[in-house]
Amino acid sequence: MTAPLTPSQPPHDEPSNEPWRAPAQPSAGVPPHGFEEDGPGMKKELLQAALIMVVVALSGLVLGALWLWLAPRVPLISDGEAVYLKDTEGEQAIGVDGTFTLLSLGFGAVSGAVAFLVRRSGGVPMVAGLALGALFGALLAWGLGVLLGPETDVAAHAKALGKGIVFDAPMELKAKGTVLAWPVAALAVHLGLTALFGPRDPEPYAVPYEEPYDEVRPGDTAP
């Protein structure tokens, strides 16, 4: 008679001889999407910002010439002892400031759009260069209008012309804050175009989900 067979243990899953490998992670030097970041380097970005600043500032010469040409004149008259406004109820002085402001807003819109076309991704250097260039351009336009406009020494000019002769007052801005119209308009247009049509940030990289690896060691009881 043969001895009864002992019930065999359920077979264990034999462990694999291959070492366990962690899921591949993206390299530290390569972006998760597998392509390099767009856009020029910092050096090129600074050069572009400097170029925009110089071009925008020099366009202030055009603004100054247009202001001198389009702004109304303020008539003055002398009685031999003092100089007075010929038209005391006229609004020519307000028109001088208004003309400069409207021209500055137009130049600001154009310069902001040009800066956006030069670098669509924007950036702090570009915004700073645009703002400084617009401010310098407004100051240059103001100075050019005063320099090329009527005589600034009103008393000497009235004395040279004589009593009762009407002459134009020098070009000046009563509201000094109008020089900020250009940089404010330029920044508003540039930031608006960047927000509407600028490049968008890529979607964050998502690591695919993997089931956890359960290693079975010899001697463990199978479930």
Protein backbone atom coordinates (compact mmCIF):
# COMPACT_ATOMS: atom_id res chain seq x y z
CA MET A 1 0.00 0.00 0.00
CA THR A 2 1.34 3.36 -0.89
CA ALA A 3 1.34 6.25 1.54
CA PRO A 4 -1.20 8.95 0.91
CA LEU A 5 0.14 11.89 -0.98
CA THR A 6 0.63 15.04 0.96
CA PRO A 7 -1.35 17.89 -0.56
CA SER A 8 1.04 20.09 -2.36
CA GLN A 9 1.40 23.75 -1.57
CA PRO A 10 0.00 26.09 -4.17
CA PRO A 11 2.77 27.15 -6.43
CA HIS A 12 4.38 30.48 -5.63
CA ASP A 13 5.00 33.04 -8.25
CA GLU A 14 8.61 32.75 -8.99
CA PRO A 15 10.39 36.09 -8.67
CA SER A 16 11.86 37.47 -11.86
CA ASN A 17 15.61 37.53 -12.15
CA GLU A 18 15.47 40.88 -13.97
CA PRO A 19 16.14 43.95 -11.81
CA TRP A 20 13.27 46.36 -11.22
CA ARG A 21 13.52 49.57 -13.17
CA ALA A 22 11.77 52.83 -12.28
CA PRO A 23 9.71 54.55 -14.97
CA ALA A 24 11.79 56.75 -17.22
CA GLN A 25 11.75 60.38 -16.18
CA PRO A 26 12.41 63.32 -18.50
CA SER A 27 15.98 64.49 -18.52
CA ALA A 28 16.79 67.54 -16.42
CA GLY A 29 18.24 69.35 -19.41
CA VAL A 30 15.34 68.65 -21.77
CA PRO A 31 11.88 70.22 -21.34
CA PRO A 32 9.06 67.75 -20.67
CA HIS A 33 7.56 68.26 -24.13
CA GLY A 34 10.80 67.28 -25.83
CA PHE A 35 11.55 70.61 -27.53
CA GLU A 36 13.69 73.61 -26.64
CA GLU A 37 12.22 76.80 -25.27
CA ASP A 38 11.24 79.35 -27.89
CA GLY A 39 12.49 82.91 -27.98
CA PRO A 40 15.90 84.54 -28.16
CA GLY A 41 18.38 84.60 -25.36
CA MET A 42 18.66 87.38 -22.83
CA LYS A 43 21.35 89.17 -24.85
CA LYS A 44 19.16 89.35 -27.94
CA GLU A 45 16.18 90.40 -25.85
CA LEU A 46 18.16 93.30 -24.36
CA LEU A 47 19.34 94.37 -27.82
CA GLN A 48 15.78 94.40 -29.10
CA ALA A 49 14.66 96.46 -26.11
CA ALA A 50 17.49 98.96 -26.64
CA LEU A 51 16.63 99.25 -30.34
CA ILE A 52 12.97 99.92 -29.56
CA MET A 53 13.93 102.54 -26.98
CA VAL A 54 16.19 104.43 -29.41
CA VAL A 55 13.74 104.29 -32.33
CA VAL A 56 10.77 105.39 -30.21
CA ALA A 57 12.77 108.20 -28.61
CA LEU A 58 13.95 109.53 -31.98
CA SER A 59 10.38 109.50 -33.29
CA GLY A 60 9.83 112.31 -30.80
CA LEU A 61 11.38 114.58 -33.42
CA VAL A 62 8.42 113.84 -35.69
CA LEU A 63 5.98 114.46 -32.85
CA GLY A 64 7.62 117.80 -32.06
CA ALA A 65 7.42 118.92 -35.69
CA LEU A 66 3.75 117.92 -35.94
CA TRP A 67 2.94 119.67 -32.67
CA LEU A 68 4.60 122.87 -33.90
CA TRP A 69 2.68 122.66 -37.18
CA LEU A 70 -0.79 121.75 -35.89
CA ALA A 71 -1.02 123.49 -32.52
CA PRO A 72 -2.88 126.82 -32.44
CA ARG A 73 -0.96 130.02 -31.71
CA VAL A 74 -1.60 132.19 -28.66
CA PRO A 75 -1.63 135.87 -29.76
CA LEU A 76 0.01 138.45 -27.48
CA ILE A 77 0.12 142.25 -27.63
CA SER A 78 2.17 144.86 -25.81
CA ASP A 79 1.17 148.35 -24.71
CA GLY A 80 4.77 149.44 -24.35
CA GLU A 81 4.94 148.55 -20.64
CA ALA A 82 3.44 145.04 -20.31
CA VAL A 83 2.40 142.14 -22.49
CA TYR A 84 -1.20 140.90 -22.54
CA LEU A 85 -3.28 138.24 -24.20
CA LYS A 86 -4.91 139.73 -27.27
CA ASP A 87 -7.92 137.42 -26.95
CA THR A 88 -8.58 137.03 -23.24
CA GLU A 89 -11.44 134.60 -23.83
CA GLY A 90 -9.64 132.47 -26.39
CA GLU A 91 -8.87 128.79 -25.85
CA GLN A 92 -5.68 128.63 -27.84
CA ALA A 93 -3.59 127.78 -24.77
CA ILE A 94 -5.80 124.75 -24.06
CA GLY A 95 -5.54 123.77 -27.71
CA VAL A 96 -1.74 123.69 -27.47
CA ASP A 97 -1.89 121.13 -24.66
CA GLY A 98 -4.72 119.21 -26.33
CA THR A 99 -2.87 118.92 -29.63
CA PHE A 100 0.22 117.55 -27.90
CA THR A 101 -1.87 115.05 -25.93
CA LEU A 102 -3.76 113.73 -28.96
CA LEU A 103 -0.59 113.37 -31.00
CA SER A 104 1.11 111.60 -28.08
CA LEU A 105 -1.75 109.11 -27.78
CA GLY A 106 -1.49 108.31 -31.48
CA PHE A 107 2.27 107.87 -31.30
CA GLY A 108 1.82 105.70 -28.21
CA ALA A 109 -0.60 103.38 -30.00
CA VAL A 110 1.74 102.99 -32.99
CA SER A 111 4.89 102.46 -30.92
CA GLY A 112 3.15 99.91 -28.69
CA ALA A 113 2.00 97.92 -31.72
CA VAL A 114 5.46 98.03 -33.32
CA ALA A 115 7.08 96.80 -30.09
CA PHE A 116 4.62 93.90 -29.99
CA LEU A 117 5.43 92.94 -33.59
CA VAL A 118 9.15 93.02 -32.85
CA ARG A 119 8.77 90.64 -29.88
CA ARG A 120 5.42 88.96 -29.43
CA SER A 121 6.35 87.26 -26.18
CA GLY A 122 6.87 90.61 -24.46
CA GLY A 123 9.21 90.55 -21.49
CA VAL A 124 10.39 93.01 -18.87
CA PRO A 125 13.27 94.46 -20.98
CA MET A 126 10.95 95.18 -23.90
CA VAL A 127 8.33 96.86 -21.69
CA ALA A 128 11.00 98.95 -19.93
CA GLY A 129 12.61 99.97 -23.23
CA LEU A 130 9.25 100.96 -24.67
CA ALA A 131 8.30 103.04 -21.63
CA LEU A 132 11.66 104.84 -21.45
CA GLY A 133 11.75 105.46 -25.19
CA ALA A 134 8.24 106.93 -25.14
CA LEU A 135 9.08 109.19 -22.19
CA PHE A 136 12.30 110.43 -23.80
CA GLY A 137 10.45 110.92 -27.09
CA ALA A 138 7.78 113.07 -25.42
CA LEU A 139 10.43 115.21 -23.72
CA LEU A 140 12.32 115.54 -27.00
CA ALA A 141 9.16 116.59 -28.84
CA TRP A 142 8.40 119.20 -26.19
CA GLY A 143 11.92 120.61 -26.35
CA LEU A 144 11.94 120.68 -30.15
CA GLY A 145 8.62 122.51 -30.30
CA VAL A 146 9.84 125.16 -27.87
CA LEU A 147 13.19 125.48 -29.66
CA LEU A 148 11.75 125.89 -33.15
CA GLY A 149 8.65 127.82 -32.09
CA PRO A 150 8.17 131.54 -31.47
CA GLU A 151 10.65 133.56 -29.44
CA THR A 152 10.79 132.48 -25.80
CA ASP A 153 11.95 135.87 -24.43
CA VAL A 154 8.55 137.54 -24.56
CA ALA A 155 9.59 140.87 -23.02
CA ALA A 156 12.55 141.39 -25.35
CA HIS A 157 10.53 140.32 -28.36
CA ALA A 158 7.67 142.71 -27.52
CA LYS A 159 10.12 145.57 -27.02
CA ALA A 160 11.77 144.85 -30.36
CA LEU A 161 8.42 144.80 -32.19
CA GLY A 162 7.03 147.93 -30.57
CA LYS A 163 3.74 148.97 -29.02
CA GLY A 164 0.49 147.51 -30.35
CA ILE A 165 2.10 144.77 -32.47
CA VAL A 166 0.52 141.31 -32.18
CA PHE A 167 2.92 138.37 -31.96
CA ASP A 168 2.75 134.69 -31.02
CA ALA A 169 3.46 133.38 -27.56
CA PRO A 170 6.16 130.72 -27.20
CA MET A 171 5.20 127.07 -27.36
CA GLU A 172 4.70 125.62 -23.91
CA LEU A 173 2.76 122.97 -22.05
CA LYS A 174 0.64 124.31 -19.23
CA ALA A 175 -0.14 120.78 -18.00
CA LYS A 176 3.25 119.09 -17.64
CA GLY A 177 1.59 115.72 -17.10
CA THR A 178 0.77 115.54 -20.81
CA VAL A 179 4.29 114.18 -21.42
CA LEU A 180 3.07 110.92 -19.84
CA ALA A 181 0.34 110.41 -22.44
CA TRP A 182 2.74 108.75 -24.88
CA PRO A 183 4.29 106.15 -22.50
CA VAL A 184 0.93 105.34 -20.92
CA ALA A 185 -0.72 104.76 -24.30
CA ALA A 186 2.25 102.73 -25.56
CA LEU A 187 2.23 100.41 -22.53
CA ALA A 188 -1.55 99.98 -22.64
CA VAL A 189 -1.55 98.98 -26.32
CA HIS A 190 1.48 96.71 -25.98
CA LEU A 191 0.17 94.89 -22.92
CA GLY A 192 -3.28 94.56 -24.48
CA LEU A 193 -1.90 93.02 -27.68
CA THR A 194 0.34 90.70 -25.68
CA ALA A 195 -2.61 89.50 -23.61
CA LEU A 196 -4.81 88.93 -26.67
CA PHE A 197 -2.37 87.61 -29.27
CA GLY A 198 0.82 86.72 -27.39
CA PRO A 199 2.04 83.11 -27.08
CA ARG A 200 0.40 80.97 -24.42
CA ASP A 201 2.26 78.91 -21.84
CA PRO A 202 2.32 75.18 -22.65
CA GLU A 203 0.17 72.78 -20.66
CA PRO A 204 1.97 71.29 -17.65
CA TYR A 205 3.58 67.89 -18.31
CA ALA A 206 1.57 65.03 -16.82
CA VAL A 207 3.41 61.83 -15.83
CA PRO A 208 1.35 58.80 -16.98
CA TYR A 209 -0.05 56.75 -14.12
CA GLU A 210 1.39 53.28 -13.63
CA GLU A 211 0.23 50.52 -11.34
CA PRO A 212 2.50 50.03 -8.32
CA TYR A 213 4.90 47.14 -8.69
CA ASP A 214 4.47 44.47 -5.99
CA GLU A 215 7.55 42.34 -5.67
CA VAL A 216 6.91 38.80 -4.37
CA ARG A 217 9.73 37.40 -2.27
CA PRO A 218 10.38 33.64 -1.79
CA GLY A 219 8.44 32.31 1.18
CA ASP A 220 5.55 34.74 0.83
CA THR A 221 2.13 33.13 0.68
CA ALA A 222 0.24 33.87 -2.47
CA PRO A 223 -3.14 35.54 -1.91
